[in-house]
Amino acid sequence: MAHRNRIRSLIGLAAAGAMALTLGACASGGDGGGGDTITVGFVAVGPEGNWRAANEANIQETFSADAGFDLKYAPAANLDQKSQIDAFTSFVDEGVDVILLSATEATGWEDSLKRAQEAEIPLVLIDRGIEPDDPSLYVTRIAPDNVTVAESVATWAVDEFPDGAKYFVLEGPSGVGVVNERNQGWDNVAGAATKLEKVGSQTADWSTEEAKSVFETVLKDNGNDIQLVIAQNDEMGLGAVQAVEEAGLVPGVDVKIATIDGTTPALEALAAGKLSFVAEYNPLFGPTALEAVQQVLAGETVEPDITVPSVVFATPEDAQKALDEGREY
């Protein structure tokens, strides 16, 4: 209880610091002169492509010293869950005021989360959920809606191929919650579309190089008779573009490729006609996380799921407009 009382006394300072930052104040620090700051442990994924880099940079920029926070950033070592659990345990032992968690794997977190709960340290899930999903162990999860995002891809595909098509899915790493959610969203719509024939699916670990290699093999094994690729992130979609081109086919014509994330390289490829559809998975939700943390530390109620709005880019013109307006990631 002492821990909770202390952070409640600090939250006013952090809120004042965040407001000063928003208003562009030039004072050195939001605590008004050397007072306590709120310590946040960020158990992060680390290097994993353009989307992850943008998301984690946005979190770090938002939870700044000027806003009244001491953010301790702990990226996973080579996406290893054990390194995340070790960092999480260290933050609990240290007695940080709040923990942000982007899990490399969905399962295996129950004991760690219960320790944080016993220590009265609030937990906010960033992007990725946990399995089994027990909302009593965390305050909120902040992320775009993976199911809805994937449903938008499937809706486009069904409309794009009214007479049917053979398709292949390039998936993220097995065991990651967002992969399961994106598969669910696709299946919610495309599962009932009997004219869409699934040739197969395989993980390419979010990687352009792995996706290129995987899809080269798929094309060879199927005599180039694939009309559609669903890539669960932009990098894998761009790898599929390379494989299609090396097979002597034309991406966007012979093989249409849809991706999820909405990073600048994908929008450039869509504007050039090499990708056919890009569903955004907006990574810029640091301010939303900041607001949730301020609310929970002030003892206010926070919604258990906070959905980050995202858009879709269905044409080269859509992509070019977004690029012209300036893209942050």
Protein backbone atom coordinates (compact mmCIF):
# COMPACT_ATOMS: atom_id res chain seq x y z
CA MET A 1 0.00 0.00 0.00
CA ALA A 2 2.91 2.36 0.68
CA HIS A 3 4.09 1.83 -2.88
CA ARG A 4 0.66 2.79 -4.24
CA ASN A 5 0.39 5.85 -1.99
CA ARG A 6 3.78 7.09 -3.15
CA ILE A 7 2.95 6.82 -6.84
CA ARG A 8 -0.37 8.54 -6.30
CA SER A 9 1.50 11.46 -4.74
CA LEU A 10 3.81 11.53 -7.75
CA ILE A 11 1.21 11.37 -10.49
CA GLY A 12 0.35 15.06 -10.16
CA LEU A 13 3.96 15.90 -10.82
CA ALA A 14 4.08 13.67 -13.89
CA ALA A 15 0.84 15.08 -15.23
CA ALA A 16 2.16 18.58 -14.81
CA GLY A 17 5.35 17.60 -16.58
CA ALA A 18 3.44 16.05 -19.47
CA MET A 19 1.27 19.15 -19.81
CA ALA A 20 4.32 21.37 -19.82
CA LEU A 21 5.89 19.22 -22.50
CA THR A 22 2.73 19.39 -24.60
CA LEU A 23 2.67 23.17 -24.33
CA GLY A 24 6.29 23.34 -25.36
CA ALA A 25 7.63 24.57 -22.04
CA CYS A 26 11.35 25.04 -21.91
CA ALA A 27 11.84 24.38 -18.22
CA SER A 28 14.25 21.58 -17.39
CA GLY A 29 11.97 18.75 -16.26
CA GLY A 30 8.30 18.42 -15.42
CA ASP A 31 8.82 18.05 -11.67
CA GLY A 32 9.54 21.69 -11.29
CA GLY A 33 12.91 21.37 -9.62
CA GLY A 34 14.50 18.09 -8.77
CA GLY A 35 11.48 16.34 -7.26
CA ASP A 36 10.76 12.62 -7.55
CA THR A 37 9.94 11.14 -10.92
CA ILE A 38 7.83 8.13 -11.79
CA THR A 39 9.93 5.12 -12.70
CA VAL A 40 8.65 3.03 -15.60
CA GLY A 41 10.11 -0.33 -16.57
CA PHE A 42 9.63 -1.02 -20.26
CA VAL A 43 10.04 -4.73 -21.07
CA ALA A 44 10.38 -4.36 -24.83
CA VAL A 45 10.78 -6.56 -27.89
CA GLY A 46 13.77 -4.72 -29.34
CA PRO A 47 14.97 -4.86 -32.96
CA GLU A 48 12.25 -6.46 -35.11
CA GLY A 49 11.73 -4.25 -38.14
CA ASN A 50 10.47 -0.78 -38.98
CA TRP A 51 7.16 -1.04 -37.11
CA ARG A 52 8.74 -2.11 -33.84
CA ALA A 53 11.43 0.56 -34.10
CA ALA A 54 8.78 3.26 -34.56
CA ASN A 55 6.63 1.95 -31.71
CA GLU A 56 9.41 1.68 -29.15
CA ALA A 57 10.94 5.03 -30.14
CA ASN A 58 7.51 6.64 -29.69
CA ILE A 59 7.15 5.11 -26.22
CA GLN A 60 10.61 6.28 -25.19
CA GLU A 61 10.05 9.79 -26.53
CA THR A 62 6.72 10.08 -24.72
CA PHE A 63 7.84 8.82 -21.30
CA SER A 64 10.59 11.40 -21.12
CA ALA A 65 12.32 13.08 -18.20
CA ASP A 66 10.64 16.34 -19.21
CA ALA A 67 7.28 14.62 -18.75
CA GLY A 68 8.26 13.50 -15.25
CA PHE A 69 9.33 9.92 -15.97
CA ASP A 70 12.43 7.78 -15.63
CA LEU A 71 11.94 5.15 -18.34
CA LYS A 72 14.08 2.05 -18.03
CA TYR A 73 14.21 0.40 -21.46
CA ALA A 74 14.90 -3.34 -21.51
CA PRO A 75 14.77 -4.84 -25.02
CA ALA A 76 14.76 -8.61 -25.37
CA ALA A 77 18.01 -10.32 -26.29
CA ASN A 78 17.43 -11.76 -29.77
CA LEU A 79 13.66 -11.90 -29.12
CA ASP A 80 14.27 -14.34 -26.25
CA GLN A 81 11.42 -14.58 -23.77
CA LYS A 82 13.69 -15.56 -20.89
CA SER A 83 15.54 -12.27 -21.18
CA GLN A 84 12.18 -10.50 -20.98
CA ILE A 85 11.12 -12.46 -17.91
CA ASP A 86 14.47 -11.66 -16.27
CA ALA A 87 14.00 -7.95 -17.00
CA PHE A 88 10.41 -8.06 -15.72
CA THR A 89 11.55 -9.76 -12.49
CA SER A 90 14.29 -7.18 -12.05
CA PHE A 91 11.80 -4.34 -12.39
CA VAL A 92 9.52 -5.94 -9.78
CA ASP A 93 12.44 -6.43 -7.39
CA GLU A 94 13.55 -2.86 -7.98
CA GLY A 95 10.08 -1.59 -7.15
CA VAL A 96 9.40 0.49 -10.25
CA ASP A 97 6.13 2.41 -10.24
CA VAL A 98 4.67 0.84 -13.38
CA ILE A 99 5.67 -1.75 -15.98
CA LEU A 100 5.02 -1.66 -19.72
CA LEU A 101 5.23 -5.06 -21.42
CA SER A 102 5.49 -5.96 -25.10
CA ALA A 103 5.76 -9.73 -24.95
CA THR A 104 7.85 -11.68 -27.46
CA GLU A 105 5.66 -14.72 -26.73
CA ALA A 106 2.07 -14.82 -25.57
CA THR A 107 2.30 -17.66 -23.04
CA GLY A 108 4.43 -18.23 -19.95
CA TRP A 109 3.75 -14.94 -18.15
CA GLU A 110 1.38 -15.93 -15.35
CA ASP A 111 3.94 -16.21 -12.52
CA SER A 112 5.68 -12.97 -13.46
CA LEU A 113 2.44 -11.02 -13.70
CA LYS A 114 1.24 -12.37 -10.36
CA ARG A 115 4.48 -11.17 -8.74
CA ALA A 116 3.89 -7.67 -10.09
CA GLN A 117 0.31 -7.78 -8.84
CA GLU A 118 1.43 -8.83 -5.35
CA ALA A 119 3.91 -5.94 -5.36
CA GLU A 120 1.07 -3.57 -6.37
CA ILE A 121 2.93 -2.55 -9.53
CA PRO A 122 0.47 -1.74 -12.33
CA LEU A 123 1.08 -3.46 -15.65
CA VAL A 124 0.17 -2.09 -19.07
CA LEU A 125 0.40 -4.37 -22.10
CA ILE A 126 1.81 -2.62 -25.15
CA ASP A 127 0.75 -4.07 -28.51
CA ARG A 128 0.80 -7.79 -27.73
CA GLY A 129 -1.59 -9.69 -25.54
CA ILE A 130 -0.97 -12.66 -23.27
CA GLU A 131 -2.42 -16.16 -23.26
CA PRO A 132 -4.39 -17.19 -21.37
CA ASP A 133 -5.81 -13.70 -21.29
CA ASP A 134 -6.45 -12.83 -17.64
CA PRO A 135 -7.42 -9.13 -17.37
CA SER A 136 -7.10 -9.31 -13.58
CA LEU A 137 -3.31 -9.43 -14.03
CA TYR A 138 -2.95 -6.19 -15.98
CA VAL A 139 -4.56 -2.77 -16.14
CA THR A 140 -5.08 -2.47 -19.88
CA ARG A 141 -3.81 -3.55 -23.26
CA ILE A 142 -3.12 -0.78 -25.77
CA ALA A 143 -2.92 -1.76 -29.43
CA PRO A 144 -4.64 -1.55 -32.77
CA ASP A 145 -7.22 -4.31 -33.21
CA ASN A 146 -5.38 -7.13 -34.99
CA VAL A 147 -8.59 -9.01 -35.74
CA THR A 148 -10.24 -5.99 -37.33
CA VAL A 149 -7.09 -5.10 -39.27
CA ALA A 150 -6.86 -8.62 -40.69
CA GLU A 151 -10.58 -8.62 -41.48
CA SER A 152 -10.00 -5.53 -43.61
CA VAL A 153 -7.35 -7.40 -45.59
CA ALA A 154 -9.68 -10.36 -46.08
CA THR A 155 -12.57 -8.15 -47.14
CA TRP A 156 -10.37 -6.55 -49.77
CA ALA A 157 -9.20 -9.97 -51.00
CA VAL A 158 -12.72 -11.35 -51.33
CA ASP A 159 -13.77 -8.28 -53.31
CA GLU A 160 -10.61 -8.30 -55.42
CA PHE A 161 -11.01 -11.94 -56.45
CA PRO A 162 -14.75 -12.56 -56.98
CA ASP A 163 -13.96 -15.55 -59.20
CA GLY A 164 -11.49 -17.01 -56.72
CA ALA A 165 -7.73 -17.27 -56.35
CA LYS A 166 -5.02 -19.45 -54.89
CA TYR A 167 -3.31 -17.76 -51.98
CA PHE A 168 -0.44 -18.23 -49.54
CA VAL A 169 0.03 -16.70 -46.08
CA LEU A 170 3.40 -15.47 -44.80
CA GLU A 171 3.08 -15.52 -41.01
CA GLY A 172 4.99 -14.03 -38.12
CA PRO A 173 6.73 -16.23 -35.53
CA SER A 174 4.69 -19.03 -34.01
CA GLY A 175 3.55 -18.41 -30.45
CA VAL A 176 3.13 -14.67 -30.89
CA GLY A 177 -0.34 -13.47 -29.97
CA VAL A 178 -0.65 -11.00 -32.86
CA VAL A 179 -0.10 -13.85 -35.33
CA ASN A 180 -3.00 -15.77 -33.85
CA GLU A 181 -5.19 -12.67 -33.89
CA ARG A 182 -4.37 -11.85 -37.51
CA ASN A 183 -5.11 -15.43 -38.54
CA GLN A 184 -8.41 -15.19 -36.69
CA GLY A 185 -9.38 -11.97 -38.44
CA TRP A 186 -8.52 -13.37 -41.86
CA ASP A 187 -10.46 -16.57 -41.19
CA ASN A 188 -13.50 -14.64 -39.94
CA VAL A 189 -14.00 -13.28 -43.45
CA ALA A 190 -12.02 -15.40 -45.89
CA GLY A 191 -12.95 -18.69 -44.24
CA ALA A 192 -16.44 -18.38 -45.70
CA ALA A 193 -15.14 -17.40 -49.14
CA THR A 194 -15.07 -20.83 -50.76
CA LYS A 195 -13.58 -19.49 -54.00
CA LEU A 196 -10.38 -18.47 -52.22
CA GLU A 197 -8.16 -21.54 -52.08
CA LYS A 198 -5.44 -21.61 -49.44
CA VAL A 199 -2.29 -23.28 -50.76
CA GLY A 200 -0.50 -23.04 -47.45
CA SER A 201 1.11 -20.85 -44.81
CA GLN A 202 4.56 -20.61 -43.27
CA THR A 203 6.35 -18.37 -40.84
CA ALA A 204 8.97 -16.04 -42.23
CA ASP A 205 9.74 -14.43 -38.85
CA TRP A 206 8.79 -10.90 -39.97
CA SER A 207 11.85 -10.96 -42.26
CA THR A 208 12.15 -9.76 -45.87
CA GLU A 209 14.93 -12.23 -46.61
CA GLU A 210 13.11 -15.21 -45.12
CA ALA A 211 9.87 -14.30 -46.86
CA LYS A 212 11.67 -14.07 -50.21
CA SER A 213 13.18 -17.51 -49.69
CA VAL A 214 9.92 -19.07 -48.52
CA PHE A 215 7.84 -17.68 -51.35
CA GLU A 216 10.42 -18.54 -54.01
CA THR A 217 10.01 -22.17 -52.97
CA VAL A 218 6.22 -21.88 -52.89
CA LEU A 219 6.14 -20.50 -56.43
CA LYS A 220 8.42 -23.24 -57.74
CA ASP A 221 6.44 -25.98 -56.01
CA ASN A 222 3.18 -24.65 -57.47
CA GLY A 223 4.34 -23.83 -60.97
CA ASN A 224 3.88 -20.11 -60.30
CA ASP A 225 0.14 -20.75 -59.91
CA ILE A 226 -0.41 -18.41 -56.95
CA GLN A 227 -2.45 -15.25 -57.40
CA LEU A 228 -2.44 -13.77 -53.90
CA VAL A 229 -0.07 -13.42 -50.96
CA ILE A 230 -1.16 -12.34 -47.51
CA ALA A 231 1.85 -11.09 -45.55
CA GLN A 232 1.33 -10.44 -41.86
CA ASN A 233 3.81 -7.58 -41.90
CA ASP A 234 5.27 -5.22 -44.48
CA GLU A 235 8.78 -6.67 -44.53
CA MET A 236 7.51 -10.12 -45.47
CA GLY A 237 5.30 -8.62 -48.17
CA LEU A 238 8.32 -6.85 -49.66
CA GLY A 239 10.18 -10.16 -49.63
CA ALA A 240 7.31 -11.70 -51.58
CA VAL A 241 7.62 -8.88 -54.13
CA GLN A 242 11.27 -9.83 -54.67
CA ALA A 243 10.39 -13.51 -55.09
CA VAL A 244 7.67 -12.70 -57.62
CA GLU A 245 10.02 -10.55 -59.66
CA GLU A 246 12.77 -13.16 -59.65
CA ALA A 247 10.26 -15.72 -60.92
CA GLY A 248 9.69 -13.51 -63.96
CA LEU A 249 6.23 -12.44 -62.81
CA VAL A 250 4.86 -8.97 -62.24
CA PRO A 251 3.88 -8.09 -58.65
CA GLY A 252 0.54 -6.33 -58.54
CA VAL A 253 -0.49 -7.98 -61.81
CA ASP A 254 0.35 -11.68 -61.83
CA VAL A 255 0.50 -11.92 -58.04
CA LYS A 256 -1.21 -9.46 -55.74
CA ILE A 257 0.31 -8.93 -52.32
CA ALA A 258 -1.39 -7.51 -49.23
CA THR A 259 0.49 -6.53 -46.09
CA ILE A 260 -0.10 -5.28 -42.56
CA ASP A 261 1.73 -2.41 -40.80
CA GLY A 262 1.73 0.63 -43.07
CA THR A 263 5.41 1.58 -42.93
CA THR A 264 6.94 3.95 -45.47
CA PRO A 265 8.65 1.23 -47.58
CA ALA A 266 5.31 -0.58 -47.98
CA LEU A 267 3.47 2.58 -48.98
CA GLU A 268 6.20 3.34 -51.49
CA ALA A 269 5.75 -0.15 -52.94
CA LEU A 270 1.98 0.31 -53.06
CA ALA A 271 2.36 3.68 -54.76
CA ALA A 272 4.59 1.96 -57.34
CA GLY A 273 2.02 -0.80 -57.91
CA LYS A 274 4.15 -3.59 -56.47
CA LEU A 275 1.93 -4.10 -53.44
CA SER A 276 -1.84 -4.15 -53.85
CA PHE A 277 -3.20 -3.41 -50.36
CA VAL A 278 -1.69 -2.21 -47.09
CA ALA A 279 -3.55 -2.24 -43.78
CA GLU A 280 -2.07 0.13 -41.23
CA TYR A 281 -1.22 -1.12 -37.75
CA ASN A 282 -0.55 2.25 -36.15
CA PRO A 283 2.55 2.14 -33.90
CA LEU A 284 2.33 5.69 -32.55
CA PHE A 285 0.47 5.19 -29.31
CA GLY A 286 2.95 6.47 -26.76
CA PRO A 287 0.64 9.36 -25.78
CA THR A 288 -2.23 6.91 -25.29
CA ALA A 289 -0.03 4.79 -23.01
CA LEU A 290 1.01 7.90 -21.10
CA GLU A 291 -2.60 8.87 -20.48
CA ALA A 292 -3.44 5.35 -19.28
CA VAL A 293 -0.49 5.30 -16.90
CA GLN A 294 -1.44 8.68 -15.45
CA GLN A 295 -5.00 7.50 -14.92
CA VAL A 296 -4.11 4.25 -13.20
CA LEU A 297 -1.54 5.85 -10.92
CA ALA A 298 -4.15 8.45 -9.96
CA GLY A 299 -6.51 5.65 -8.98
CA GLU A 300 -8.86 6.20 -11.91
CA THR A 301 -10.59 3.48 -13.89
CA VAL A 302 -8.97 2.51 -17.18
CA GLU A 303 -10.65 0.52 -19.92
CA PRO A 304 -9.18 -3.02 -20.10
CA ASP A 305 -8.70 -2.71 -23.87
CA ILE A 306 -7.75 0.52 -25.59
CA THR A 307 -7.91 0.31 -29.38
CA VAL A 308 -5.53 2.45 -31.41
CA PRO A 309 -7.21 3.74 -34.60
CA SER A 310 -5.68 2.57 -37.89
CA VAL A 311 -6.55 3.06 -41.56
CA VAL A 312 -6.18 1.12 -44.81
CA PHE A 313 -4.47 2.00 -48.09
CA ALA A 314 -6.30 0.34 -50.97
CA THR A 315 -4.87 2.17 -53.98
CA PRO A 316 -1.58 3.68 -55.16
CA GLU A 317 -3.23 7.07 -54.81
CA ASP A 318 -4.01 6.42 -51.13
CA ALA A 319 -0.39 5.52 -50.52
CA GLN A 320 1.03 8.48 -52.40
CA LYS A 321 -1.21 10.89 -50.53
CA ALA A 322 0.00 9.54 -47.19
CA LEU A 323 3.61 9.77 -48.32
CA ASP A 324 3.14 13.33 -49.54
CA GLU A 325 1.63 14.32 -46.20
CA GLY A 326 4.71 12.97 -44.40
CA ARG A 327 5.07 9.64 -42.68
CA GLU A 328 6.53 9.24 -39.20
CA TYR A 329 7.54 5.63 -39.73
